[in-house]
Amino acid sequence: MHATTVAIDLAKEVFELAFADGQGRVIERKRLSRRAFA
């Protein structure tokens, strides 16, 4: 995977990560608990 942009939505319990390609299209999303993110 070649992601050029990574976005992280910081919430209280669950973090949502989005990886985008060079054109800005989201190529992968992940949801991680606070514990898994650390």
PDB file of N, CA and C in Angstrom:
ATOM      1  N   MET A   1       0.849  -1.175   0.000  1.00  0.00           N
ATOM      2  CA  MET A   1       0.000   0.000   0.000  1.00  0.00           C
ATOM      3  C   MET A   1       0.888   1.230   0.000  1.00  0.00           C
ATOM      4  N   HIS A   2       0.596   2.170  -0.900  1.00  0.00           N
ATOM      5  CA  HIS A   2       1.310   3.441  -0.936  1.00  0.00           C
ATOM      6  C   HIS A   2       0.334   4.550  -0.584  1.00  0.00           C
ATOM      7  N   ALA A   3       0.281   4.913   0.670  1.00  0.00           N
ATOM      8  CA  ALA A   3      -0.600   5.989   1.109  1.00  0.00           C
ATOM      9  C   ALA A   3       0.206   7.274   1.188  1.00  0.00           C
ATOM     10  N   THR A   4      -0.376   8.354   0.690  1.00  0.00           N
ATOM     11  CA  THR A   4       0.303   9.642   0.771  1.00  0.00           C
ATOM     12  C   THR A   4      -0.267  10.505   1.879  1.00  0.00           C
ATOM     13  N   THR A   5      -1.474  10.203   2.307  1.00  0.00           N
ATOM     14  CA  THR A   5      -2.125  10.970   3.362  1.00  0.00           C
ATOM     15  C   THR A   5      -2.696  10.012   4.389  1.00  0.00           C
ATOM     16  N   VAL A   6      -2.506  10.331   5.644  1.00  0.00           N
ATOM     17  CA  VAL A   6      -3.091   9.548   6.722  1.00  0.00           C
ATOM     18  C   VAL A   6      -3.871  10.509   7.602  1.00  0.00           C
ATOM     19  N   ALA A   7      -5.147  10.206   7.834  1.00  0.00           N
ATOM     20  CA  ALA A   7      -5.989  11.029   8.696  1.00  0.00           C
ATOM     21  C   ALA A   7      -6.374  10.212   9.916  1.00  0.00           C
ATOM     22  N   ILE A   8      -6.352  10.847  11.073  1.00  0.00           N
ATOM     23  CA  ILE A   8      -6.718  10.167  12.311  1.00  0.00           C
ATOM     24  C   ILE A   8      -7.797  10.979  13.010  1.00  0.00           C
ATOM     25  N   ASP A   9      -8.936  10.348  13.251  1.00  0.00           N
ATOM     26  CA  ASP A   9     -10.024  10.973  13.998  1.00  0.00           C
ATOM     27  C   ASP A   9      -9.853  10.562  15.453  1.00  0.00           C
ATOM     28  N   LEU A  10      -9.518  11.510  16.302  1.00  0.00           N
ATOM     29  CA  LEU A  10      -9.271  11.218  17.711  1.00  0.00           C
ATOM     30  C   LEU A  10     -10.580  11.313  18.494  1.00  0.00           C
ATOM     31  N   ALA A  11     -10.982  10.208  19.052  1.00  0.00           N
ATOM     32  CA  ALA A  11     -12.196  10.158  19.857  1.00  0.00           C
ATOM     33  C   ALA A  11     -11.840   9.631  21.241  1.00  0.00           C
ATOM     34  N   LYS A  12     -12.837   9.504  22.089  1.00  0.00           N
ATOM     35  CA  LYS A  12     -12.559   9.048  23.451  1.00  0.00           C
ATOM     36  C   LYS A  12     -12.144   7.585  23.508  1.00  0.00           C
ATOM     37  N   GLU A  13     -12.834   6.719  22.788  1.00  0.00           N
ATOM     38  CA  GLU A  13     -12.578   5.281  22.903  1.00  0.00           C
ATOM     39  C   GLU A  13     -12.047   4.639  21.632  1.00  0.00           C
ATOM     40  N   VAL A  14     -12.468   5.126  20.465  1.00  0.00           N
ATOM     41  CA  VAL A  14     -12.102   4.492  19.198  1.00  0.00           C
ATOM     42  C   VAL A  14     -11.448   5.519  18.277  1.00  0.00           C
ATOM     43  N   PHE A  15     -10.313   5.149  17.692  1.00  0.00           N
ATOM     44  CA  PHE A  15      -9.638   5.994  16.714  1.00  0.00           C
ATOM     45  C   PHE A  15      -9.970   5.465  15.326  1.00  0.00           C
ATOM     46  N   GLU A  16     -10.322   6.351  14.400  1.00  0.00           N
ATOM     47  CA  GLU A  16     -10.567   5.954  13.024  1.00  0.00           C
ATOM     48  C   GLU A  16      -9.437   6.499  12.168  1.00  0.00           C
ATOM     49  N   LEU A  17      -8.783   5.610  11.421  1.00  0.00           N
ATOM     50  CA  LEU A  17      -7.689   5.992  10.537  1.00  0.00           C
ATOM     51  C   LEU A  17      -8.148   5.839   9.096  1.00  0.00           C
ATOM     52  N   ALA A  18      -7.757   6.785   8.249  1.00  0.00           N
ATOM     53  CA  ALA A  18      -8.052   6.714   6.819  1.00  0.00           C
ATOM     54  C   ALA A  18      -6.761   6.962   6.057  1.00  0.00           C
ATOM     55  N   PHE A  19      -6.481   6.096   5.094  1.00  0.00           N
ATOM     56  CA  PHE A  19      -5.284   6.213   4.261  1.00  0.00           C
ATOM     57  C   PHE A  19      -5.737   6.569   2.849  1.00  0.00           C
ATOM     58  N   ALA A  20      -5.156   7.626   2.270  1.00  0.00           N
ATOM     59  CA  ALA A  20      -5.555   8.084   0.940  1.00  0.00           C
ATOM     60  C   ALA A  20      -4.388   7.985  -0.033  1.00  0.00           C
ATOM     61  N   ASP A  21      -4.730   7.815  -1.317  1.00  0.00           N
ATOM     62  CA  ASP A  21      -3.696   7.765  -2.354  1.00  0.00           C
ATOM     63  C   ASP A  21      -3.377   9.180  -2.838  1.00  0.00           C
ATOM     64  N   GLY A  22      -2.584   9.287  -3.884  1.00  0.00           N
ATOM     65  CA  GLY A  22      -2.156  10.583  -4.400  1.00  0.00           C
ATOM     66  C   GLY A  22      -3.286  11.451  -4.916  1.00  0.00           C
ATOM     67  N   GLN A  23      -4.395  10.841  -5.352  1.00  0.00           N
ATOM     68  CA  GLN A  23      -5.550  11.596  -5.838  1.00  0.00           C
ATOM     69  C   GLN A  23      -6.533  11.944  -4.725  1.00  0.00           C
ATOM     70  N   GLY A  24      -6.217  11.556  -3.506  1.00  0.00           N
ATOM     71  CA  GLY A  24      -7.088  11.860  -2.378  1.00  0.00           C
ATOM     72  C   GLY A  24      -8.182  10.839  -2.137  1.00  0.00           C
ATOM     73  N   ARG A  25      -8.169   9.730  -2.875  1.00  0.00           N
ATOM     74  CA  ARG A  25      -9.178   8.686  -2.675  1.00  0.00           C
ATOM     75  C   ARG A  25      -8.779   7.811  -1.502  1.00  0.00           C
ATOM     76  N   VAL A  26      -9.727   7.539  -0.632  1.00  0.00           N
ATOM     77  CA  VAL A  26      -9.462   6.681   0.521  1.00  0.00           C
ATOM     78  C   VAL A  26      -9.259   5.257   0.026  1.00  0.00           C
ATOM     79  N   ILE A  27      -8.105   4.675   0.390  1.00  0.00           N
ATOM     80  CA  ILE A  27      -7.806   3.312  -0.055  1.00  0.00           C
ATOM     81  C   ILE A  27      -7.934   2.297   1.069  1.00  0.00           C
ATOM     82  N   GLU A  28      -7.944   2.775   2.303  1.00  0.00           N
ATOM     83  CA  GLU A  28      -8.107   1.859   3.434  1.00  0.00           C
ATOM     84  C   GLU A  28      -8.575   2.643   4.650  1.00  0.00           C
ATOM     85  N   ARG A  29      -9.439   2.019   5.432  1.00  0.00           N
ATOM     86  CA  ARG A  29      -9.909   2.589   6.695  1.00  0.00           C
ATOM     87  C   ARG A  29      -9.714   1.559   7.793  1.00  0.00           C
ATOM     88  N   LYS A  30      -9.390   2.036   8.983  1.00  0.00           N
ATOM     89  CA  LYS A  30      -9.248   1.143  10.128  1.00  0.00           C
ATOM     90  C   LYS A  30      -9.854   1.805  11.350  1.00  0.00           C
ATOM     91  N   ARG A  31     -10.448   0.992  12.210  1.00  0.00           N
ATOM     92  CA  ARG A  31     -10.945   1.449  13.507  1.00  0.00           C
ATOM     93  C   ARG A  31     -10.149   0.729  14.576  1.00  0.00           C
ATOM     94  N   LEU A  32      -9.537   1.492  15.460  1.00  0.00           N
ATOM     95  CA  LEU A  32      -8.728   0.904  16.521  1.00  0.00           C
ATOM     96  C   LEU A  32      -9.181   1.433  17.869  1.00  0.00           C
ATOM     97  N   SER A  33      -9.172   0.553  18.853  1.00  0.00           N
ATOM     98  CA  SER A  33      -9.451   1.000  20.212  1.00  0.00           C
ATOM     99  C   SER A  33      -8.266   1.822  20.696  1.00  0.00           C
ATOM    100  N   ARG A  34      -8.475   2.576  21.741  1.00  0.00           N
ATOM    101  CA  ARG A  34      -7.389   3.380  22.309  1.00  0.00           C
ATOM    102  C   ARG A  34      -6.211   2.485  22.683  1.00  0.00           C
ATOM    103  N   ARG A  35      -6.499   1.329  23.226  1.00  0.00           N
ATOM    104  CA  ARG A  35      -5.442   0.399  23.636  1.00  0.00           C
ATOM    105  C   ARG A  35      -4.659  -0.138  22.431  1.00  0.00           C
ATOM    106  N   ALA A  36      -5.347  -0.479  21.351  1.00  0.00           N
ATOM    107  CA  ALA A  36      -4.683  -1.005  20.157  1.00  0.00           C
ATOM    108  C   ALA A  36      -3.870   0.074  19.444  1.00  0.00           C
ATOM    109  N   PHE A  37      -4.293   1.322  19.546  1.00  0.00           N
ATOM    110  CA  PHE A  37      -3.601   2.426  18.876  1.00  0.00           C
ATOM    111  C   PHE A  37      -2.277   2.753  19.550  1.00  0.00           C
ATOM    112  N   ALA A  38      -2.212   2.584  20.853  1.00  0.00           N
ATOM    113  CA  ALA A  38      -1.014   2.974  21.618  1.00  0.00           C
ATOM    114  C   ALA A  38       0.186   2.126  21.334  1.00  0.00           C
TER     115      ALA A  38
END
